[in-house]
Amino acid sequence: MADLTETATQFANDLIAQNLAGLMMVFTPNGMGKAMAMQGQMQAGGQPQAAASGFELRPAGENGDDRLLDLVLKNANGEVVISTTWREIAGAWKVEDIALKA
C-alpha cells in the first residue's frame, strides 16, 4: 500500500507545478469531476490567484475508510485551503473529493 503522506505530498507538488499528467493519475472519476467544478469556481471568482510558493498538509480526520486532508497552499496573498478526501483503491490512495474551504 502506498503511503498517504507521500502521495498527498506528490499531489501538492504536482498541483503547484501544474503537472496535469501527474494530477490525473491521482483522481477517482468522481474526484476528477469535483476538481473540474472547483477550477470553474476559482475562475469565476475573477481574481487571479498568486502562484503558490509552498504548502502544508493538515490531517482533518476520517470518514469511514476515507482519510480527510486539508491542503494549505501558501502564496504572496496569504493562503488557500483545499479540503481533500482520500480513498485507498487497489493499494493506491486516490482523491475522491476536493473543494475549496471558505
N, C-alpha and C. Protein backbone atom coordinates (compact mmCIF):
# COMPACT_ATOMS: atom_id res chain seq x y z
N MET A 1 0.84 -1.19 0.00
CA MET A 1 0.00 0.00 0.00
C MET A 1 0.88 1.25 0.00
N ALA A 2 0.50 2.21 -0.79
CA ALA A 2 1.22 3.47 -0.85
C ALA A 2 0.97 4.26 0.44
N ASP A 3 1.90 5.10 0.80
CA ASP A 3 1.78 5.94 1.97
C ASP A 3 0.98 7.19 1.62
N LEU A 4 -0.04 7.50 2.40
CA LEU A 4 -0.89 8.65 2.11
C LEU A 4 -0.11 9.96 2.13
N THR A 5 0.76 10.14 3.10
CA THR A 5 1.51 11.39 3.18
C THR A 5 2.38 11.59 1.94
N GLU A 6 3.04 10.53 1.51
CA GLU A 6 3.87 10.64 0.30
C GLU A 6 3.03 10.97 -0.92
N THR A 7 1.89 10.29 -1.05
CA THR A 7 1.00 10.52 -2.20
C THR A 7 0.44 11.93 -2.17
N ALA A 8 0.01 12.41 -1.00
CA ALA A 8 -0.55 13.75 -0.89
C ALA A 8 0.52 14.82 -1.13
N THR A 9 1.74 14.56 -0.69
CA THR A 9 2.84 15.50 -0.94
C THR A 9 3.12 15.60 -2.44
N GLN A 10 3.15 14.47 -3.13
CA GLN A 10 3.36 14.49 -4.58
C GLN A 10 2.21 15.21 -5.27
N PHE A 11 0.99 14.98 -4.81
CA PHE A 11 -0.19 15.66 -5.35
C PHE A 11 -0.04 17.18 -5.21
N ALA A 12 0.37 17.64 -4.02
CA ALA A 12 0.54 19.08 -3.79
C ALA A 12 1.63 19.65 -4.70
N ASN A 13 2.73 18.93 -4.82
CA ASN A 13 3.80 19.39 -5.71
C ASN A 13 3.34 19.44 -7.16
N ASP A 14 2.56 18.44 -7.60
CA ASP A 14 2.02 18.44 -8.96
C ASP A 14 1.04 19.58 -9.16
N LEU A 15 0.25 19.88 -8.14
CA LEU A 15 -0.71 20.97 -8.22
C LEU A 15 0.01 22.30 -8.38
N ILE A 16 1.03 22.53 -7.58
CA ILE A 16 1.81 23.77 -7.66
C ILE A 16 2.50 23.89 -9.01
N ALA A 17 3.05 22.78 -9.51
CA ALA A 17 3.77 22.79 -10.79
C ALA A 17 2.83 22.71 -11.99
N GLN A 18 1.53 22.56 -11.73
CA GLN A 18 0.52 22.40 -12.78
C GLN A 18 0.84 21.21 -13.68
N ASN A 19 1.28 20.13 -13.05
CA ASN A 19 1.60 18.88 -13.75
C ASN A 19 0.31 18.08 -13.94
N LEU A 20 -0.39 18.36 -15.02
CA LEU A 20 -1.69 17.74 -15.25
C LEU A 20 -1.60 16.22 -15.37
N ALA A 21 -0.56 15.72 -15.98
CA ALA A 21 -0.42 14.26 -16.12
C ALA A 21 -0.33 13.60 -14.74
N GLY A 22 0.44 14.19 -13.85
CA GLY A 22 0.56 13.65 -12.50
C GLY A 22 -0.73 13.76 -11.73
N LEU A 23 -1.43 14.87 -11.89
CA LEU A 23 -2.69 15.08 -11.18
C LEU A 23 -3.77 14.10 -11.65
N MET A 24 -3.84 13.86 -12.94
CA MET A 24 -4.89 12.99 -13.48
C MET A 24 -4.80 11.58 -12.91
N MET A 25 -3.61 11.14 -12.58
CA MET A 25 -3.42 9.78 -12.08
C MET A 25 -3.96 9.61 -10.66
N VAL A 26 -4.14 10.71 -9.94
CA VAL A 26 -4.50 10.64 -8.52
C VAL A 26 -6.01 10.69 -8.29
N PHE A 27 -6.76 11.21 -9.24
CA PHE A 27 -8.20 11.38 -9.04
C PHE A 27 -9.00 10.13 -9.39
N THR A 28 -10.04 9.86 -8.58
CA THR A 28 -11.07 8.90 -8.99
C THR A 28 -11.93 9.64 -10.01
N PRO A 29 -12.80 8.96 -10.75
CA PRO A 29 -13.69 9.68 -11.68
C PRO A 29 -14.53 10.74 -10.96
N ASN A 30 -15.05 10.41 -9.78
CA ASN A 30 -15.83 11.38 -9.01
C ASN A 30 -14.96 12.56 -8.59
N GLY A 31 -13.75 12.28 -8.14
CA GLY A 31 -12.82 13.33 -7.74
C GLY A 31 -12.46 14.25 -8.89
N MET A 32 -12.30 13.68 -10.09
CA MET A 32 -11.97 14.49 -11.26
C MET A 32 -13.10 15.47 -11.57
N GLY A 33 -14.32 15.01 -11.48
CA GLY A 33 -15.47 15.90 -11.70
C GLY A 33 -15.50 17.03 -10.69
N LYS A 34 -15.21 16.71 -9.44
CA LYS A 34 -15.19 17.73 -8.38
C LYS A 34 -14.05 18.72 -8.63
N ALA A 35 -12.90 18.24 -9.08
CA ALA A 35 -11.76 19.12 -9.36
C ALA A 35 -12.09 20.08 -10.49
N MET A 36 -12.77 19.58 -11.52
CA MET A 36 -13.14 20.44 -12.64
C MET A 36 -14.14 21.51 -12.19
N ALA A 37 -15.08 21.13 -11.33
CA ALA A 37 -16.04 22.10 -10.80
C ALA A 37 -15.33 23.15 -9.95
N MET A 38 -14.36 22.71 -9.14
CA MET A 38 -13.61 23.64 -8.30
C MET A 38 -12.81 24.62 -9.15
N GLN A 39 -12.21 24.14 -10.24
CA GLN A 39 -11.46 25.01 -11.13
C GLN A 39 -12.36 26.09 -11.71
N GLY A 40 -13.56 25.71 -12.12
CA GLY A 40 -14.52 26.68 -12.63
C GLY A 40 -14.92 27.69 -11.57
N GLN A 41 -15.07 27.22 -10.34
CA GLN A 41 -15.41 28.09 -9.22
C GLN A 41 -14.29 29.11 -8.98
N MET A 42 -13.05 28.67 -9.06
CA MET A 42 -11.92 29.58 -8.85
C MET A 42 -11.83 30.61 -9.97
N GLN A 43 -12.08 30.18 -11.21
CA GLN A 43 -12.02 31.10 -12.33
C GLN A 43 -13.16 32.11 -12.28
N ALA A 44 -14.32 31.69 -11.79
CA ALA A 44 -15.48 32.58 -11.70
C ALA A 44 -15.28 33.67 -10.65
N GLY A 45 -14.34 33.44 -9.72
CA GLY A 45 -14.07 34.43 -8.68
C GLY A 45 -13.50 35.72 -9.23
N GLY A 46 -12.94 35.69 -10.42
CA GLY A 46 -12.46 36.89 -11.07
C GLY A 46 -11.08 37.35 -10.65
N GLN A 47 -10.63 37.00 -9.48
CA GLN A 47 -9.32 37.41 -9.01
C GLN A 47 -8.29 36.35 -9.38
N PRO A 48 -7.24 36.73 -10.10
CA PRO A 48 -6.20 35.75 -10.38
C PRO A 48 -5.50 35.35 -9.09
N GLN A 49 -5.22 34.08 -8.94
CA GLN A 49 -4.52 33.58 -7.76
C GLN A 49 -3.02 33.73 -7.95
N ALA A 50 -2.34 34.20 -6.91
CA ALA A 50 -0.88 34.26 -6.96
C ALA A 50 -0.35 32.83 -6.96
N ALA A 51 0.78 32.64 -7.61
CA ALA A 51 1.38 31.31 -7.66
C ALA A 51 1.73 30.84 -6.26
N ALA A 52 1.47 29.58 -5.99
CA ALA A 52 1.78 29.01 -4.69
C ALA A 52 3.29 28.89 -4.53
N SER A 53 3.77 29.24 -3.36
CA SER A 53 5.20 29.16 -3.07
C SER A 53 5.51 28.03 -2.10
N GLY A 54 4.48 27.39 -1.58
CA GLY A 54 4.67 26.30 -0.65
C GLY A 54 3.33 25.73 -0.23
N PHE A 55 3.38 24.70 0.59
CA PHE A 55 2.14 24.08 1.04
C PHE A 55 2.34 23.41 2.39
N GLU A 56 1.22 23.10 3.00
CA GLU A 56 1.20 22.35 4.25
C GLU A 56 0.05 21.35 4.17
N LEU A 57 0.27 20.15 4.65
CA LEU A 57 -0.79 19.15 4.74
C LEU A 57 -1.28 19.10 6.18
N ARG A 58 -2.60 19.21 6.35
CA ARG A 58 -3.18 19.16 7.69
C ARG A 58 -4.21 18.03 7.75
N PRO A 59 -3.94 17.00 8.54
CA PRO A 59 -4.94 15.94 8.70
C PRO A 59 -6.24 16.54 9.23
N ALA A 60 -7.36 16.10 8.66
CA ALA A 60 -8.67 16.64 9.05
C ALA A 60 -9.62 15.54 9.51
N GLY A 61 -9.12 14.34 9.76
CA GLY A 61 -9.95 13.28 10.30
C GLY A 61 -10.17 12.14 9.33
N GLU A 62 -11.19 11.38 9.64
CA GLU A 62 -11.55 10.22 8.85
C GLU A 62 -13.06 10.22 8.63
N ASN A 63 -13.47 9.55 7.56
CA ASN A 63 -14.88 9.35 7.28
C ASN A 63 -15.00 7.91 6.79
N GLY A 64 -15.29 6.99 7.71
CA GLY A 64 -15.26 5.57 7.35
C GLY A 64 -13.83 5.18 7.05
N ASP A 65 -13.61 4.60 5.87
CA ASP A 65 -12.26 4.22 5.45
C ASP A 65 -11.52 5.35 4.75
N ASP A 66 -12.21 6.44 4.45
CA ASP A 66 -11.60 7.58 3.77
C ASP A 66 -10.79 8.41 4.77
N ARG A 67 -9.76 9.07 4.26
CA ARG A 67 -8.95 9.98 5.07
C ARG A 67 -9.14 11.39 4.54
N LEU A 68 -9.30 12.33 5.46
CA LEU A 68 -9.53 13.72 5.10
C LEU A 68 -8.26 14.52 5.36
N LEU A 69 -7.83 15.28 4.36
CA LEU A 69 -6.65 16.13 4.48
C LEU A 69 -6.96 17.51 3.93
N ASP A 70 -6.54 18.53 4.65
CA ASP A 70 -6.59 19.89 4.13
C ASP A 70 -5.24 20.20 3.53
N LEU A 71 -5.25 20.69 2.32
CA LEU A 71 -4.04 21.12 1.62
C LEU A 71 -4.03 22.64 1.68
N VAL A 72 -3.06 23.21 2.38
CA VAL A 72 -2.95 24.66 2.52
C VAL A 72 -1.88 25.14 1.56
N LEU A 73 -2.32 25.83 0.52
CA LEU A 73 -1.39 26.40 -0.46
C LEU A 73 -1.05 27.82 -0.02
N LYS A 74 0.23 28.09 0.12
CA LYS A 74 0.70 29.40 0.58
C LYS A 74 1.18 30.21 -0.62
N ASN A 75 0.76 31.48 -0.65
CA ASN A 75 1.19 32.36 -1.73
C ASN A 75 1.39 33.78 -1.19
N ALA A 76 1.75 34.70 -2.05
CA ALA A 76 2.05 36.07 -1.63
C ALA A 76 0.85 36.76 -1.00
N ASN A 77 -0.36 36.32 -1.32
CA ASN A 77 -1.58 36.94 -0.78
C ASN A 77 -2.05 36.27 0.51
N GLY A 78 -1.38 35.24 0.96
CA GLY A 78 -1.81 34.51 2.16
C GLY A 78 -1.85 33.03 1.89
N GLU A 79 -3.03 32.44 2.05
CA GLU A 79 -3.15 31.01 1.81
C GLU A 79 -4.55 30.65 1.33
N VAL A 80 -4.61 29.54 0.62
CA VAL A 80 -5.86 28.97 0.14
C VAL A 80 -5.92 27.55 0.70
N VAL A 81 -7.07 27.21 1.29
CA VAL A 81 -7.22 25.88 1.88
C VAL A 81 -8.14 25.04 0.99
N ILE A 82 -7.64 23.89 0.60
CA ILE A 82 -8.40 22.95 -0.23
C ILE A 82 -8.61 21.68 0.60
N SER A 83 -9.86 21.31 0.79
CA SER A 83 -10.14 20.07 1.51
C SER A 83 -10.14 18.91 0.51
N THR A 84 -9.54 17.80 0.92
CA THR A 84 -9.49 16.62 0.06
C THR A 84 -9.92 15.40 0.86
N THR A 85 -10.58 14.49 0.17
CA THR A 85 -10.95 13.19 0.73
C THR A 85 -10.21 12.14 -0.07
N TRP A 86 -9.44 11.31 0.64
CA TRP A 86 -8.60 10.30 0.01
C TRP A 86 -9.18 8.92 0.27
N ARG A 87 -9.18 8.09 -0.75
CA ARG A 87 -9.70 6.72 -0.66
C ARG A 87 -8.63 5.77 -1.21
N GLU A 88 -8.41 4.68 -0.49
CA GLU A 88 -7.47 3.67 -0.97
C GLU A 88 -8.20 2.75 -1.94
N ILE A 89 -7.67 2.68 -3.16
CA ILE A 89 -8.24 1.84 -4.21
C ILE A 89 -7.12 0.99 -4.79
N ALA A 90 -7.26 -0.31 -4.67
CA ALA A 90 -6.27 -1.26 -5.21
C ALA A 90 -4.85 -0.93 -4.74
N GLY A 91 -4.72 -0.56 -3.47
CA GLY A 91 -3.41 -0.30 -2.89
C GLY A 91 -2.84 1.08 -3.16
N ALA A 92 -3.62 1.96 -3.79
CA ALA A 92 -3.15 3.32 -4.08
C ALA A 92 -4.16 4.33 -3.53
N TRP A 93 -3.65 5.43 -2.98
CA TRP A 93 -4.51 6.50 -2.48
C TRP A 93 -4.93 7.40 -3.62
N LYS A 94 -6.24 7.67 -3.70
CA LYS A 94 -6.82 8.49 -4.75
C LYS A 94 -7.69 9.60 -4.14
N VAL A 95 -7.76 10.74 -4.80
CA VAL A 95 -8.63 11.83 -4.35
C VAL A 95 -10.05 11.54 -4.82
N GLU A 96 -10.95 11.32 -3.87
CA GLU A 96 -12.35 11.04 -4.14
C GLU A 96 -13.18 12.32 -4.12
N ASP A 97 -12.73 13.32 -3.33
CA ASP A 97 -13.47 14.58 -3.23
C ASP A 97 -12.47 15.71 -3.00
N ILE A 98 -12.78 16.87 -3.56
CA ILE A 98 -11.92 18.04 -3.42
C ILE A 98 -12.80 19.29 -3.48
N ALA A 99 -12.50 20.26 -2.62
CA ALA A 99 -13.30 21.50 -2.60
C ALA A 99 -12.50 22.60 -1.92
N LEU A 100 -12.80 23.85 -2.31
CA LEU A 100 -12.21 24.99 -1.62
C LEU A 100 -12.88 25.13 -0.26
N LYS A 101 -12.10 25.43 0.74
CA LYS A 101 -12.66 25.72 2.06
C LYS A 101 -12.83 27.22 2.20
N ALA A 102 -13.95 27.61 2.76
CA ALA A 102 -14.21 29.05 2.94
C ALA A 102 -13.39 29.61 4.06
